[in-house]
Amino acid sequence: MDLPLLKLVLQIALAVFGLLTIMLVLLHKGRGGGLSDMFGGGVSSSASASGVAERNLNRITVGAAVTWGLCAVGLGILEKFL
């Protein structure tokens, strides 16, 4: 793969996974005591997510964040050494 093309692909992936991570973090229910209370996250809701759905959301969020980090490291390596 050509280096400018690889750099472009990593930049696009970095932006996409960054936005995806932000959206996924915002989907998590607030645990209280933090900024979520300020914006109404401390109000208990009867439509809260089940344990399985919350675990799956956690896994997807961690996967997106790790992928974002790997894209950032890959871009850093490309900039530094190539």
PDB file of N, CA and C in Angstrom:
ATOM      1  N   MET A   1       0.857  -1.186   0.000  1.00  0.00           N
ATOM      2  CA  MET A   1       0.000   0.000   0.000  1.00  0.00           C
ATOM      3  C   MET A   1       0.896   1.240   0.000  1.00  0.00           C
ATOM      4  N   ASP A   2       0.519   2.208  -0.776  1.00  0.00           N
ATOM      5  CA  ASP A   2       1.263   3.451  -0.875  1.00  0.00           C
ATOM      6  C   ASP A   2       1.172   4.221   0.444  1.00  0.00           C
ATOM      7  N   LEU A   3       2.264   4.858   0.856  1.00  0.00           N
ATOM      8  CA  LEU A   3       2.303   5.525   2.161  1.00  0.00           C
ATOM      9  C   LEU A   3       1.326   6.693   2.296  1.00  0.00           C
ATOM     10  N   PRO A   4       1.185   7.564   1.296  1.00  0.00           N
ATOM     11  CA  PRO A   4       0.175   8.628   1.453  1.00  0.00           C
ATOM     12  C   PRO A   4      -1.249   8.077   1.559  1.00  0.00           C
ATOM     13  N   LEU A   5      -1.530   6.985   0.859  1.00  0.00           N
ATOM     14  CA  LEU A   5      -2.846   6.365   0.945  1.00  0.00           C
ATOM     15  C   LEU A   5      -3.061   5.755   2.329  1.00  0.00           C
ATOM     16  N   LEU A   6      -2.029   5.100   2.861  1.00  0.00           N
ATOM     17  CA  LEU A   6      -2.112   4.520   4.208  1.00  0.00           C
ATOM     18  C   LEU A   6      -2.328   5.614   5.250  1.00  0.00           C
ATOM     19  N   LYS A   7      -1.632   6.722   5.078  1.00  0.00           N
ATOM     20  CA  LYS A   7      -1.792   7.848   6.002  1.00  0.00           C
ATOM     21  C   LYS A   7      -3.217   8.395   5.938  1.00  0.00           C
ATOM     22  N   LEU A   8      -3.768   8.517   4.744  1.00  0.00           N
ATOM     23  CA  LEU A   8      -5.130   9.013   4.583  1.00  0.00           C
ATOM     24  C   LEU A   8      -6.141   8.055   5.212  1.00  0.00           C
ATOM     25  N   VAL A   9      -5.938   6.758   5.001  1.00  0.00           N
ATOM     26  CA  VAL A   9      -6.842   5.765   5.582  1.00  0.00           C
ATOM     27  C   VAL A   9      -6.792   5.829   7.104  1.00  0.00           C
ATOM     28  N   LEU A  10      -5.596   5.953   7.677  1.00  0.00           N
ATOM     29  CA  LEU A  10      -5.466   6.043   9.134  1.00  0.00           C
ATOM     30  C   LEU A  10      -6.084   7.331   9.680  1.00  0.00           C
ATOM     31  N   GLN A  11      -5.951   8.429   8.950  1.00  0.00           N
ATOM     32  CA  GLN A  11      -6.561   9.687   9.393  1.00  0.00           C
ATOM     33  C   GLN A  11      -8.087   9.592   9.389  1.00  0.00           C
ATOM     34  N   ILE A  12      -8.637   8.997   8.361  1.00  0.00           N
ATOM     35  CA  ILE A  12     -10.090   8.833   8.288  1.00  0.00           C
ATOM     36  C   ILE A  12     -10.571   7.888   9.391  1.00  0.00           C
ATOM     37  N   ALA A  13      -9.847   6.784   9.589  1.00  0.00           N
ATOM     38  CA  ALA A  13     -10.211   5.837  10.642  1.00  0.00           C
ATOM     39  C   ALA A  13     -10.113   6.495  12.018  1.00  0.00           C
ATOM     40  N   LEU A  14      -9.125   7.329  12.223  1.00  0.00           N
ATOM     41  CA  LEU A  14      -8.964   8.038  13.499  1.00  0.00           C
ATOM     42  C   LEU A  14     -10.167   8.937  13.767  1.00  0.00           C
ATOM     43  N   ALA A  15     -10.605   9.659  12.750  1.00  0.00           N
ATOM     44  CA  ALA A  15     -11.763  10.539  12.917  1.00  0.00           C
ATOM     45  C   ALA A  15     -13.034   9.736  13.168  1.00  0.00           C
ATOM     46  N   VAL A  16     -13.232   8.672  12.414  1.00  0.00           N
ATOM     47  CA  VAL A  16     -14.445   7.865  12.559  1.00  0.00           C
ATOM     48  C   VAL A  16     -14.493   7.204  13.928  1.00  0.00           C
ATOM     49  N   PHE A  17     -13.393   6.582  14.350  1.00  0.00           N
ATOM     50  CA  PHE A  17     -13.394   5.901  15.641  1.00  0.00           C
ATOM     51  C   PHE A  17     -13.411   6.887  16.800  1.00  0.00           C
ATOM     52  N   GLY A  18     -12.885   8.086  16.604  1.00  0.00           N
ATOM     53  CA  GLY A  18     -12.993   9.113  17.642  1.00  0.00           C
ATOM     54  C   GLY A  18     -14.437   9.527  17.860  1.00  0.00           C
ATOM     55  N   LEU A  19     -15.152   9.799  16.786  1.00  0.00           N
ATOM     56  CA  LEU A  19     -16.568  10.161  16.895  1.00  0.00           C
ATOM     57  C   LEU A  19     -17.403   9.004  17.434  1.00  0.00           C
ATOM     58  N   LEU A  20     -17.089   7.781  16.991  1.00  0.00           N
ATOM     59  CA  LEU A  20     -17.810   6.608  17.477  1.00  0.00           C
ATOM     60  C   LEU A  20     -17.593   6.415  18.975  1.00  0.00           C
ATOM     61  N   THR A  21     -16.373   6.608  19.440  1.00  0.00           N
ATOM     62  CA  THR A  21     -16.079   6.472  20.869  1.00  0.00           C
ATOM     63  C   THR A  21     -16.837   7.513  21.676  1.00  0.00           C
ATOM     64  N   ILE A  22     -16.875   8.745  21.196  1.00  0.00           N
ATOM     65  CA  ILE A  22     -17.616   9.800  21.899  1.00  0.00           C
ATOM     66  C   ILE A  22     -19.087   9.435  21.988  1.00  0.00           C
ATOM     67  N   MET A  23     -19.666   8.987  20.887  1.00  0.00           N
ATOM     68  CA  MET A  23     -21.084   8.633  20.887  1.00  0.00           C
ATOM     69  C   MET A  23     -21.364   7.464  21.821  1.00  0.00           C
ATOM     70  N   LEU A  24     -20.486   6.469  21.825  1.00  0.00           N
ATOM     71  CA  LEU A  24     -20.693   5.306  22.684  1.00  0.00           C
ATOM     72  C   LEU A  24     -20.557   5.655  24.159  1.00  0.00           C
ATOM     73  N   VAL A  25     -19.613   6.526  24.498  1.00  0.00           N
ATOM     74  CA  VAL A  25     -19.466   6.948  25.892  1.00  0.00           C
ATOM     75  C   VAL A  25     -20.712   7.698  26.348  1.00  0.00           C
ATOM     76  N   LEU A  26     -21.267   8.507  25.465  1.00  0.00           N
ATOM     77  CA  LEU A  26     -22.472   9.259  25.827  1.00  0.00           C
ATOM     78  C   LEU A  26     -23.691   8.352  25.980  1.00  0.00           C
ATOM     79  N   LEU A  27     -23.660   7.161  25.399  1.00  0.00           N
ATOM     80  CA  LEU A  27     -24.771   6.231  25.548  1.00  0.00           C
ATOM     81  C   LEU A  27     -24.803   5.547  26.920  1.00  0.00           C
ATOM     82  N   HIS A  28     -23.668   5.537  27.611  1.00  0.00           N
ATOM     83  CA  HIS A  28     -23.618   4.888  28.923  1.00  0.00           C
ATOM     84  C   HIS A  28     -24.503   5.632  29.913  1.00  0.00           C
ATOM     85  N   LYS A  29     -25.108   4.863  30.806  1.00  0.00           N
ATOM     86  CA  LYS A  29     -25.936   5.508  31.821  1.00  0.00           C
ATOM     87  C   LYS A  29     -25.030   6.096  32.901  1.00  0.00           C
ATOM     88  N   GLY A  30     -25.461   7.236  33.432  1.00  0.00           N
ATOM     89  CA  GLY A  30     -24.684   7.908  34.455  1.00  0.00           C
ATOM     90  C   GLY A  30     -24.714   7.142  35.760  1.00  0.00           C
ATOM     91  N   ARG A  31     -23.605   7.113  36.452  1.00  0.00           N
ATOM     92  CA  ARG A  31     -23.529   6.411  37.726  1.00  0.00           C
ATOM     93  C   ARG A  31     -23.750   7.373  38.890  1.00  0.00           C
ATOM     94  N   GLY A  32     -23.870   8.648  38.602  1.00  0.00           N
ATOM     95  CA  GLY A  32     -24.116   9.632  39.655  1.00  0.00           C
ATOM     96  C   GLY A  32     -22.825  10.139  40.259  1.00  0.00           C
ATOM     97  N   GLY A  33     -22.911  11.327  40.836  1.00  0.00           N
ATOM     98  CA  GLY A  33     -21.772  11.891  41.532  1.00  0.00           C
ATOM     99  C   GLY A  33     -20.810  12.660  40.654  1.00  0.00           C
ATOM    100  N   GLY A  34     -21.032  12.700  39.370  1.00  0.00           N
ATOM    101  CA  GLY A  34     -20.103  13.390  38.486  1.00  0.00           C
ATOM    102  C   GLY A  34     -20.824  14.415  37.636  1.00  0.00           C
ATOM    103  N   LEU A  35     -20.291  14.644  36.458  1.00  0.00           N
ATOM    104  CA  LEU A  35     -20.901  15.606  35.552  1.00  0.00           C
ATOM    105  C   LEU A  35     -22.267  15.152  35.074  1.00  0.00           C
ATOM    106  N   SER A  36     -22.534  13.842  35.136  1.00  0.00           N
ATOM    107  CA  SER A  36     -23.828  13.358  34.672  1.00  0.00           C
ATOM    108  C   SER A  36     -24.963  13.912  35.535  1.00  0.00           C
ATOM    109  N   ASP A  37     -24.713  14.158  36.810  1.00  0.00           N
ATOM    110  CA  ASP A  37     -25.736  14.750  37.675  1.00  0.00           C
ATOM    111  C   ASP A  37     -26.075  16.171  37.237  1.00  0.00           C
ATOM    112  N   MET A  38     -25.081  16.890  36.765  1.00  0.00           N
ATOM    113  CA  MET A  38     -25.297  18.268  36.359  1.00  0.00           C
ATOM    114  C   MET A  38     -26.251  18.354  35.166  1.00  0.00           C
ATOM    115  N   PHE A  39     -26.190  17.365  34.293  1.00  0.00           N
ATOM    116  CA  PHE A  39     -26.999  17.388  33.086  1.00  0.00           C
ATOM    117  C   PHE A  39     -28.218  16.476  33.169  1.00  0.00           C
ATOM    118  N   GLY A  40     -28.608  16.094  34.365  1.00  0.00           N
ATOM    119  CA  GLY A  40     -29.808  15.297  34.530  1.00  0.00           C
ATOM    120  C   GLY A  40     -29.585  13.809  34.474  1.00  0.00           C
ATOM    121  N   GLY A  41     -28.344  13.372  34.485  1.00  0.00           N
ATOM    122  CA  GLY A  41     -28.059  11.941  34.430  1.00  0.00           C
ATOM    123  C   GLY A  41     -28.321  11.239  35.741  1.00  0.00           C
ATOM    124  N   GLY A  42     -28.463  11.982  36.827  1.00  0.00           N
ATOM    125  CA  GLY A  42     -28.688  11.366  38.121  1.00  0.00           C
ATOM    126  C   GLY A  42     -30.121  10.941  38.338  1.00  0.00           C
ATOM    127  N   VAL A  43     -31.024  11.331  37.451  1.00  0.00           N
ATOM    128  CA  VAL A  43     -32.428  10.967  37.579  1.00  0.00           C
ATOM    129  C   VAL A  43     -32.572   9.509  37.203  1.00  0.00           C
ATOM    130  N   SER A  44     -33.159   8.715  38.091  1.00  0.00           N
ATOM    131  CA  SER A  44     -33.302   7.293  37.788  1.00  0.00           C
ATOM    132  C   SER A  44     -34.418   7.106  36.770  1.00  0.00           C
ATOM    133  N   SER A  45     -34.215   6.150  35.892  1.00  0.00           N
ATOM    134  CA  SER A  45     -35.164   5.899  34.822  1.00  0.00           C
ATOM    135  C   SER A  45     -35.604   4.448  34.876  1.00  0.00           C
ATOM    136  N   SER A  46     -36.854   4.205  34.584  1.00  0.00           N
ATOM    137  CA  SER A  46     -37.339   2.825  34.571  1.00  0.00           C
ATOM    138  C   SER A  46     -36.923   2.101  33.299  1.00  0.00           C
ATOM    139  N   ALA A  47     -36.453   2.825  32.301  1.00  0.00           N
ATOM    140  CA  ALA A  47     -36.048   2.227  31.031  1.00  0.00           C
ATOM    141  C   ALA A  47     -34.535   2.057  30.980  1.00  0.00           C
ATOM    142  N   SER A  48     -33.925   1.643  32.077  1.00  0.00           N
ATOM    143  CA  SER A  48     -32.476   1.478  32.092  1.00  0.00           C
ATOM    144  C   SER A  48     -32.088   0.202  31.352  1.00  0.00           C
ATOM    145  N   ALA A  49     -30.847   0.155  30.930  1.00  0.00           N
ATOM    146  CA  ALA A  49     -30.370  -0.978  30.144  1.00  0.00           C
ATOM    147  C   ALA A  49     -30.174  -2.204  31.032  1.00  0.00           C
ATOM    148  N   SER A  50     -30.348  -3.357  30.447  1.00  0.00           N
ATOM    149  CA  SER A  50     -30.131  -4.596  31.193  1.00  0.00           C
ATOM    150  C   SER A  50     -28.640  -4.835  31.351  1.00  0.00           C
ATOM    151  N   GLY A  51     -28.302  -5.824  32.153  1.00  0.00           N
ATOM    152  CA  GLY A  51     -26.897  -6.136  32.391  1.00  0.00           C
ATOM    153  C   GLY A  51     -26.172  -6.564  31.139  1.00  0.00           C
ATOM    154  N   VAL A  52     -26.823  -7.368  30.294  1.00  0.00           N
ATOM    155  CA  VAL A  52     -26.189  -7.854  29.071  1.00  0.00           C
ATOM    156  C   VAL A  52     -25.955  -6.702  28.093  1.00  0.00           C
ATOM    157  N   ALA A  53     -26.942  -5.839  27.964  1.00  0.00           N
ATOM    158  CA  ALA A  53     -26.804  -4.708  27.045  1.00  0.00           C
ATOM    159  C   ALA A  53     -25.698  -3.767  27.514  1.00  0.00           C
ATOM    160  N   GLU A  54     -25.603  -3.550  28.811  1.00  0.00           N
ATOM    161  CA  GLU A  54     -24.561  -2.671  29.347  1.00  0.00           C
ATOM    162  C   GLU A  54     -23.175  -3.279  29.131  1.00  0.00           C
ATOM    163  N   ARG A  55     -23.051  -4.582  29.334  1.00  0.00           N
ATOM    164  CA  ARG A  55     -21.756  -5.242  29.105  1.00  0.00           C
ATOM    165  C   ARG A  55     -21.354  -5.177  27.638  1.00  0.00           C
ATOM    166  N   ASN A  56     -22.321  -5.398  26.744  1.00  0.00           N
ATOM    167  CA  ASN A  56     -22.019  -5.306  25.313  1.00  0.00           C
ATOM    168  C   ASN A  56     -21.625  -3.889  24.928  1.00  0.00           C
ATOM    169  N   LEU A  57     -22.305  -2.901  25.485  1.00  0.00           N
ATOM    170  CA  LEU A  57     -21.948  -1.510  25.212  1.00  0.00           C
ATOM    171  C   LEU A  57     -20.545  -1.214  25.725  1.00  0.00           C
ATOM    172  N   ASN A  58     -20.205  -1.756  26.889  1.00  0.00           N
ATOM    173  CA  ASN A  58     -18.849  -1.580  27.423  1.00  0.00           C
ATOM    174  C   ASN A  58     -17.808  -2.180  26.483  1.00  0.00           C
ATOM    175  N   ARG A  59     -18.070  -3.380  25.999  1.00  0.00           N
ATOM    176  CA  ARG A  59     -17.115  -4.048  25.106  1.00  0.00           C
ATOM    177  C   ARG A  59     -16.939  -3.283  23.796  1.00  0.00           C
ATOM    178  N   ILE A  60     -18.038  -2.829  23.228  1.00  0.00           N
ATOM    179  CA  ILE A  60     -17.962  -2.080  21.970  1.00  0.00           C
ATOM    180  C   ILE A  60     -17.224  -0.765  22.177  1.00  0.00           C
ATOM    181  N   THR A  61     -17.486  -0.099  23.312  1.00  0.00           N
ATOM    182  CA  THR A  61     -16.821   1.170  23.601  1.00  0.00           C
ATOM    183  C   THR A  61     -15.318   0.972  23.767  1.00  0.00           C
ATOM    184  N   VAL A  62     -14.929  -0.050  24.507  1.00  0.00           N
ATOM    185  CA  VAL A  62     -13.498  -0.327  24.694  1.00  0.00           C
ATOM    186  C   VAL A  62     -12.850  -0.686  23.366  1.00  0.00           C
ATOM    187  N   GLY A  63     -13.530  -1.475  22.552  1.00  0.00           N
ATOM    188  CA  GLY A  63     -12.988  -1.828  21.241  1.00  0.00           C
ATOM    189  C   GLY A  63     -12.782  -0.619  20.344  1.00  0.00           C
ATOM    190  N   ALA A  64     -13.757   0.287  20.344  1.00  0.00           N
ATOM    191  CA  ALA A  64     -13.626   1.507  19.534  1.00  0.00           C
ATOM    192  C   ALA A  64     -12.501   2.391  20.054  1.00  0.00           C
ATOM    193  N   ALA A  65     -12.375   2.485  21.383  1.00  0.00           N
ATOM    194  CA  ALA A  65     -11.322   3.323  21.959  1.00  0.00           C
ATOM    195  C   ALA A  65      -9.936   2.736  21.696  1.00  0.00           C
ATOM    196  N   VAL A  66      -9.808   1.421  21.791  1.00  0.00           N
ATOM    197  CA  VAL A  66      -8.519   0.782  21.514  1.00  0.00           C
ATOM    198  C   VAL A  66      -8.158   0.934  20.042  1.00  0.00           C
ATOM    199  N   THR A  67      -9.133   0.781  19.163  1.00  0.00           N
ATOM    200  CA  THR A  67      -8.881   0.962  17.734  1.00  0.00           C
ATOM    201  C   THR A  67      -8.471   2.398  17.432  1.00  0.00           C
ATOM    202  N   TRP A  68      -9.116   3.359  18.089  1.00  0.00           N
ATOM    203  CA  TRP A  68      -8.730   4.771  17.937  1.00  0.00           C
ATOM    204  C   TRP A  68      -7.281   4.968  18.376  1.00  0.00           C
ATOM    205  N   GLY A  69      -6.927   4.383  19.502  1.00  0.00           N
ATOM    206  CA  GLY A  69      -5.556   4.512  19.999  1.00  0.00           C
ATOM    207  C   GLY A  69      -4.543   3.890  19.057  1.00  0.00           C
ATOM    208  N   LEU A  70      -4.877   2.733  18.499  1.00  0.00           N
ATOM    209  CA  LEU A  70      -3.964   2.093  17.549  1.00  0.00           C
ATOM    210  C   LEU A  70      -3.797   2.931  16.278  1.00  0.00           C
ATOM    211  N   CYS A  71      -4.877   3.561  15.841  1.00  0.00           N
ATOM    212  CA  CYS A  71      -4.776   4.451  14.669  1.00  0.00           C
ATOM    213  C   CYS A  71      -3.874   5.645  14.980  1.00  0.00           C
ATOM    214  N   ALA A  72      -4.008   6.182  16.186  1.00  0.00           N
ATOM    215  CA  ALA A  72      -3.174   7.320  16.578  1.00  0.00           C
ATOM    216  C   ALA A  72      -1.701   6.916  16.644  1.00  0.00           C
ATOM    217  N   VAL A  73      -1.428   5.749  17.211  1.00  0.00           N
ATOM    218  CA  VAL A  73      -0.048   5.260  17.277  1.00  0.00           C
ATOM    219  C   VAL A  73       0.496   4.998  15.871  1.00  0.00           C
ATOM    220  N   GLY A  74      -0.323   4.396  15.017  1.00  0.00           N
ATOM    221  CA  GLY A  74       0.095   4.137  13.641  1.00  0.00           C
ATOM    222  C   GLY A  74       0.427   5.418  12.896  1.00  0.00           C
ATOM    223  N   LEU A  75      -0.389   6.434  13.066  1.00  0.00           N
ATOM    224  CA  LEU A  75      -0.091   7.729  12.427  1.00  0.00           C
ATOM    225  C   LEU A  75       1.168   8.336  12.988  1.00  0.00           C
ATOM    226  N   GLY A  76       1.381   8.203  14.273  1.00  0.00           N
ATOM    227  CA  GLY A  76       2.600   8.722  14.885  1.00  0.00           C
ATOM    228  C   GLY A  76       3.843   8.030  14.348  1.00  0.00           C
ATOM    229  N   ILE A  77       3.760   6.726  14.184  1.00  0.00           N
ATOM    230  CA  ILE A  77       4.896   5.976  13.628  1.00  0.00           C
ATOM    231  C   ILE A  77       5.159   6.375  12.184  1.00  0.00           C
ATOM    232  N   LEU A  78       4.087   6.540  11.416  1.00  0.00           N
ATOM    233  CA  LEU A  78       4.267   6.980  10.026  1.00  0.00           C
ATOM    234  C   LEU A  78       4.924   8.354   9.952  1.00  0.00           C
ATOM    235  N   GLU A  79       4.505   9.261  10.806  1.00  0.00           N
ATOM    236  CA  GLU A  79       5.061  10.619  10.794  1.00  0.00           C
ATOM    237  C   GLU A  79       6.517  10.629  11.261  1.00  0.00           C
ATOM    238  N   LYS A  80       6.821   9.794  12.230  1.00  0.00           N
ATOM    239  CA  LYS A  80       8.157   9.816  12.840  1.00  0.00           C
ATOM    240  C   LYS A  80       9.206   9.154  11.960  1.00  0.00           C
ATOM    241  N   PHE A  81       8.888   7.997  11.424  1.00  0.00           N
ATOM    242  CA  PHE A  81       9.926   7.193  10.769  1.00  0.00           C
ATOM    243  C   PHE A  81       9.842   7.164   9.248  1.00  0.00           C
ATOM    244  N   LEU A  82       8.714   7.519   8.682  1.00  0.00           N
ATOM    245  CA  LEU A  82       8.610   7.385   7.221  1.00  0.00           C
ATOM    246  C   LEU A  82       8.407   8.703   6.531  1.00  0.00           C
TER     247      LEU A  82
END
